[in-house]
Protein backbone atom coordinates (compact mmCIF):
# COMPACT_ATOMS: atom_id res chain seq x y z
CA MET A 1 -37.34 -127.60 64.11
CA GLU A 2 -36.69 -127.36 67.84
CA ILE A 3 -34.30 -124.81 69.56
CA ASP A 4 -33.45 -124.86 73.18
CA GLY A 5 -35.19 -127.90 74.44
CA GLY A 6 -38.57 -127.85 72.64
CA ALA A 7 -38.98 -124.21 71.86
CA ARG A 8 -40.62 -123.58 68.54
CA ALA A 9 -38.82 -122.10 65.57
CA TRP A 10 -38.60 -118.35 65.24
CA PRO A 11 -41.49 -117.83 62.73
CA GLY A 12 -44.05 -119.53 64.94
CA ARG A 13 -42.85 -117.71 68.15
CA CYS A 14 -43.10 -114.32 66.62
CA GLN A 15 -46.50 -114.59 65.10
CA LEU A 16 -48.42 -113.00 67.97
CA PRO A 17 -46.15 -109.96 68.31
CA LEU A 18 -46.11 -109.45 64.58
CA LEU A 19 -49.86 -109.42 64.42
CA LEU A 20 -50.08 -106.91 67.30
CA ALA A 21 -47.46 -104.71 65.66
CA LEU A 22 -49.40 -104.88 62.37
CA LEU A 23 -52.63 -103.95 64.16
CA LEU A 24 -51.02 -101.03 65.93
CA ALA A 25 -49.45 -99.79 62.68
CA LEU A 26 -53.03 -99.83 61.15
CA LEU A 27 -54.79 -98.13 63.99
CA PRO A 28 -53.22 -94.57 63.76
CA ALA A 29 -53.87 -94.58 59.96
CA ALA A 30 -57.57 -95.43 60.62
CA SER A 31 -57.93 -92.74 63.31
CA CYS A 32 -56.23 -90.14 61.14
CA ASP A 33 -58.63 -91.02 58.40
CA ALA A 34 -61.57 -90.33 60.72
CA ARG A 35 -60.16 -86.84 61.54
CA ARG A 36 -59.54 -85.99 57.93
CA PRO A 37 -62.20 -83.58 56.52
CA ARG A 38 -64.31 -85.26 53.90
CA ALA A 39 -65.32 -83.77 50.49
CA ALA A 40 -68.44 -81.68 50.85
CA ASN A 41 -71.54 -83.20 49.34
CA SER A 42 -73.02 -80.54 47.03
CA THR A 43 -76.67 -81.41 48.13
CA ALA A 44 -76.49 -82.43 51.77
CA ASN A 45 -73.51 -80.93 53.68
CA SER A 46 -71.71 -78.18 51.85
CA THR A 47 -70.40 -75.48 54.00
CA ALA A 48 -71.86 -71.91 53.49
CA ALA A 49 -69.45 -69.17 52.59
CA ALA A 50 -70.67 -66.80 55.27
CA GLY A 51 -70.50 -68.08 58.83
CA GLY A 52 -69.26 -71.53 58.10
CA ARG A 53 -72.51 -73.18 58.94
CA HIS A 54 -73.57 -76.37 57.25
CA VAL A 55 -76.23 -75.96 54.56
CA ARG A 56 -78.54 -78.93 54.12
CA SER A 57 -80.78 -79.76 51.22
CA TYR A 58 -84.53 -80.08 52.09
CA THR A 59 -85.64 -80.65 48.47
CA HIS A 60 -87.93 -83.39 49.72
CA LEU A 61 -90.08 -80.67 51.45
CA GLN A 62 -90.57 -78.75 48.38
CA GLY A 63 -94.07 -79.20 46.91
CA ASP A 64 -95.32 -80.75 50.17
CA VAL A 65 -99.05 -80.00 50.45
CA ARG A 66 -101.10 -79.99 53.68
CA TRP A 67 -104.78 -79.09 54.44
CA ARG A 68 -105.06 -77.23 57.72
CA LYS A 69 -107.06 -74.90 59.70
CA LEU A 70 -105.00 -72.12 61.27
CA PHE A 71 -106.23 -71.49 64.87
CA SER A 72 -104.95 -68.29 66.21
CA PHE A 73 -103.71 -67.62 69.73
CA GLN A 74 -106.65 -65.18 69.88
CA LYS A 75 -109.12 -68.13 69.48
CA PHE A 76 -110.07 -67.52 65.84
CA PHE A 77 -109.81 -69.68 62.71
CA LEU A 78 -108.18 -67.72 59.96
CA ARG A 79 -110.36 -67.59 56.97
CA ILE A 80 -110.30 -66.20 53.30
CA ASP A 81 -113.77 -65.60 51.98
CA LYS A 82 -115.16 -65.65 48.45
CA ASN A 83 -114.20 -62.04 47.85
CA GLY A 84 -110.60 -62.47 49.16
CA LYS A 85 -111.25 -60.83 52.53
CA VAL A 86 -109.11 -62.20 55.30
CA ASN A 87 -110.45 -62.36 58.94
CA GLY A 88 -111.08 -64.75 61.80
CA THR A 89 -114.12 -66.87 62.57
CA LYS A 90 -115.14 -68.70 65.80
CA SER A 91 -117.11 -71.35 63.68
CA ARG A 92 -115.30 -74.75 63.59
CA ASP A 93 -117.43 -75.61 60.48
CA ASP A 94 -116.70 -72.47 58.31
CA PRO A 95 -115.73 -73.90 54.83
CA PHE A 96 -113.59 -70.69 54.14
CA SER A 97 -111.34 -71.64 57.04
CA VAL A 98 -109.96 -74.76 55.41
CA LEU A 99 -106.56 -73.77 53.96
CA GLU A 100 -104.00 -75.53 51.68
CA ILE A 101 -100.52 -75.04 52.82
CA LYS A 102 -97.97 -75.73 50.15
CA SER A 103 -94.15 -75.70 50.40
CA VAL A 104 -92.66 -73.66 47.56
CA ALA A 105 -89.08 -73.47 48.84
CA VAL A 106 -87.25 -74.26 52.02
CA GLY A 107 -89.07 -72.63 54.87
CA ILE A 108 -91.36 -70.76 52.27
CA VAL A 109 -95.06 -71.68 51.92
CA ALA A 110 -98.05 -70.46 50.04
CA ILE A 111 -101.47 -70.69 51.75
CA ARG A 112 -104.65 -70.91 49.75
CA GLY A 113 -108.23 -71.07 50.82
CA LEU A 114 -109.66 -74.36 49.36
CA THR A 115 -113.21 -72.90 49.02
CA SER A 116 -112.44 -69.29 48.04
CA ASN A 117 -109.30 -70.19 45.84
CA TYR A 118 -107.56 -66.93 47.05
CA TYR A 119 -104.06 -67.00 48.39
CA LEU A 120 -103.02 -65.43 51.77
CA ALA A 121 -100.85 -62.43 50.96
CA ILE A 122 -99.07 -59.50 52.56
CA SER A 123 -98.48 -56.37 50.46
CA LYS A 124 -95.41 -54.25 50.60
CA ARG A 125 -97.54 -51.79 52.79
CA GLY A 126 -98.18 -54.66 55.30
CA GLU A 127 -101.85 -55.19 54.34
CA VAL A 128 -103.00 -58.86 54.83
CA TYR A 129 -105.33 -59.75 51.96
CA GLY A 130 -106.52 -62.62 49.61
CA ALA A 131 -104.81 -62.60 46.15
CA ARG A 132 -106.58 -64.25 43.31
CA ASP A 133 -103.32 -65.16 41.54
CA TYR A 134 -100.10 -66.45 43.21
CA GLY A 135 -97.31 -63.89 43.34
CA VAL A 136 -94.45 -62.50 45.34
CA ASP A 137 -96.99 -61.19 48.12
CA CYS A 138 -98.08 -64.84 48.64
CA GLU A 139 -94.76 -66.20 49.70
CA LEU A 140 -94.67 -66.63 53.48
CA LYS A 141 -91.80 -67.70 55.80
CA GLU A 142 -93.25 -70.45 58.01
CA ARG A 143 -91.45 -70.79 61.44
CA ILE A 144 -92.35 -73.04 64.42
CA GLU A 145 -92.05 -70.92 67.55
CA GLU A 146 -90.86 -72.10 71.05
CA ASN A 147 -94.48 -72.38 72.33
CA GLY A 148 -95.44 -74.82 69.53
CA TYR A 149 -97.48 -72.24 67.43
CA ASN A 150 -96.43 -71.25 63.84
CA THR A 151 -95.73 -67.73 62.58
CA TYR A 152 -96.08 -66.63 58.91
CA ALA A 153 -93.99 -63.62 57.84
CA SER A 154 -93.67 -62.03 54.37
CA ALA A 155 -90.83 -63.56 52.43
CA ALA A 156 -90.41 -60.60 50.14
CA TRP A 157 -91.30 -57.47 52.17
CA LYS A 158 -90.00 -55.99 55.44
CA ASN A 159 -90.80 -52.80 57.38
CA GLY A 160 -87.27 -51.45 57.54
CA LYS A 161 -85.41 -54.31 58.97
CA LYS A 162 -88.36 -55.94 60.77
CA GLN A 163 -90.38 -58.74 59.40
CA MET A 164 -94.07 -58.33 58.75
CA PHE A 165 -96.28 -61.20 60.01
CA VAL A 166 -99.82 -62.42 59.50
CA GLY A 167 -101.88 -61.66 62.58
CA LEU A 168 -105.41 -61.47 63.88
CA SER A 169 -106.64 -58.97 66.48
CA ALA A 170 -108.70 -59.94 69.55
CA LYS A 171 -111.79 -59.20 67.34
CA GLY A 172 -110.62 -61.40 64.56
CA LYS A 173 -109.58 -58.56 62.21
CA PRO A 174 -106.34 -58.80 60.25
CA LEU A 175 -103.46 -56.77 61.58
CA ARG A 176 -101.24 -54.57 59.48
CA GLY A 177 -97.92 -56.34 58.99
CA LYS A 178 -96.06 -53.24 60.07
CA LYS A 179 -97.43 -53.40 63.47
CA THR A 180 -96.78 -57.15 64.11
CA ARG A 181 -93.81 -58.74 65.70
CA ARG A 182 -92.70 -62.36 66.09
CA LYS A 183 -93.18 -62.24 69.94
CA HIS A 184 -96.80 -60.95 69.70
CA ASN A 185 -99.38 -63.75 70.40
CA ALA A 186 -101.64 -62.22 67.65
CA THR A 187 -99.25 -63.61 65.08
CA HIS A 188 -99.19 -67.14 66.51
CA PHE A 189 -101.25 -69.89 64.79
CA LEU A 190 -101.79 -73.55 65.49
CA PRO A 191 -102.13 -75.70 62.34
CA ILE A 192 -105.01 -78.15 62.89
CA VAL A 193 -105.34 -81.19 60.60
CA VAL A 194 -108.57 -81.15 58.68
């Protein structure tokens, strides 16, 4: 069918504008979809009630086991001896300095001496010691600090509102948790792969 000296029929002539109109009609719907809030995933991206921050699930980290030596900023390897005494040693070959670090919850670890079979623990009074059996004193918050060292604070106990950390003095003796702070170099440890 020809109209006006060779022009095509109306359906063929309007095809391109119709396609463009159809595309433009679909684009706003797609962009509105992108802005629409999605349903919260119960395990990965649910929003916390307090503060509105996203809570993520790190269940893949629970049960993670690592063998490390903890080298303190004070130049000592943390060790737990056969009697449960915690201190530092300069010896690289001390078998009591090989530790098993196991994730028990998100950000919470249990540290056990492989040779001594004692757990690193902080009591309610802030004493750092080796515990024969795993308990609430053995749960430590592991945090990587800005300088690349790790800190280990009691997950259960605080001194007022301040956290109590595992730390070694310049002589390799354990510091009382009540006198330690995150910013103190004595509480900073570098995990070294065994």
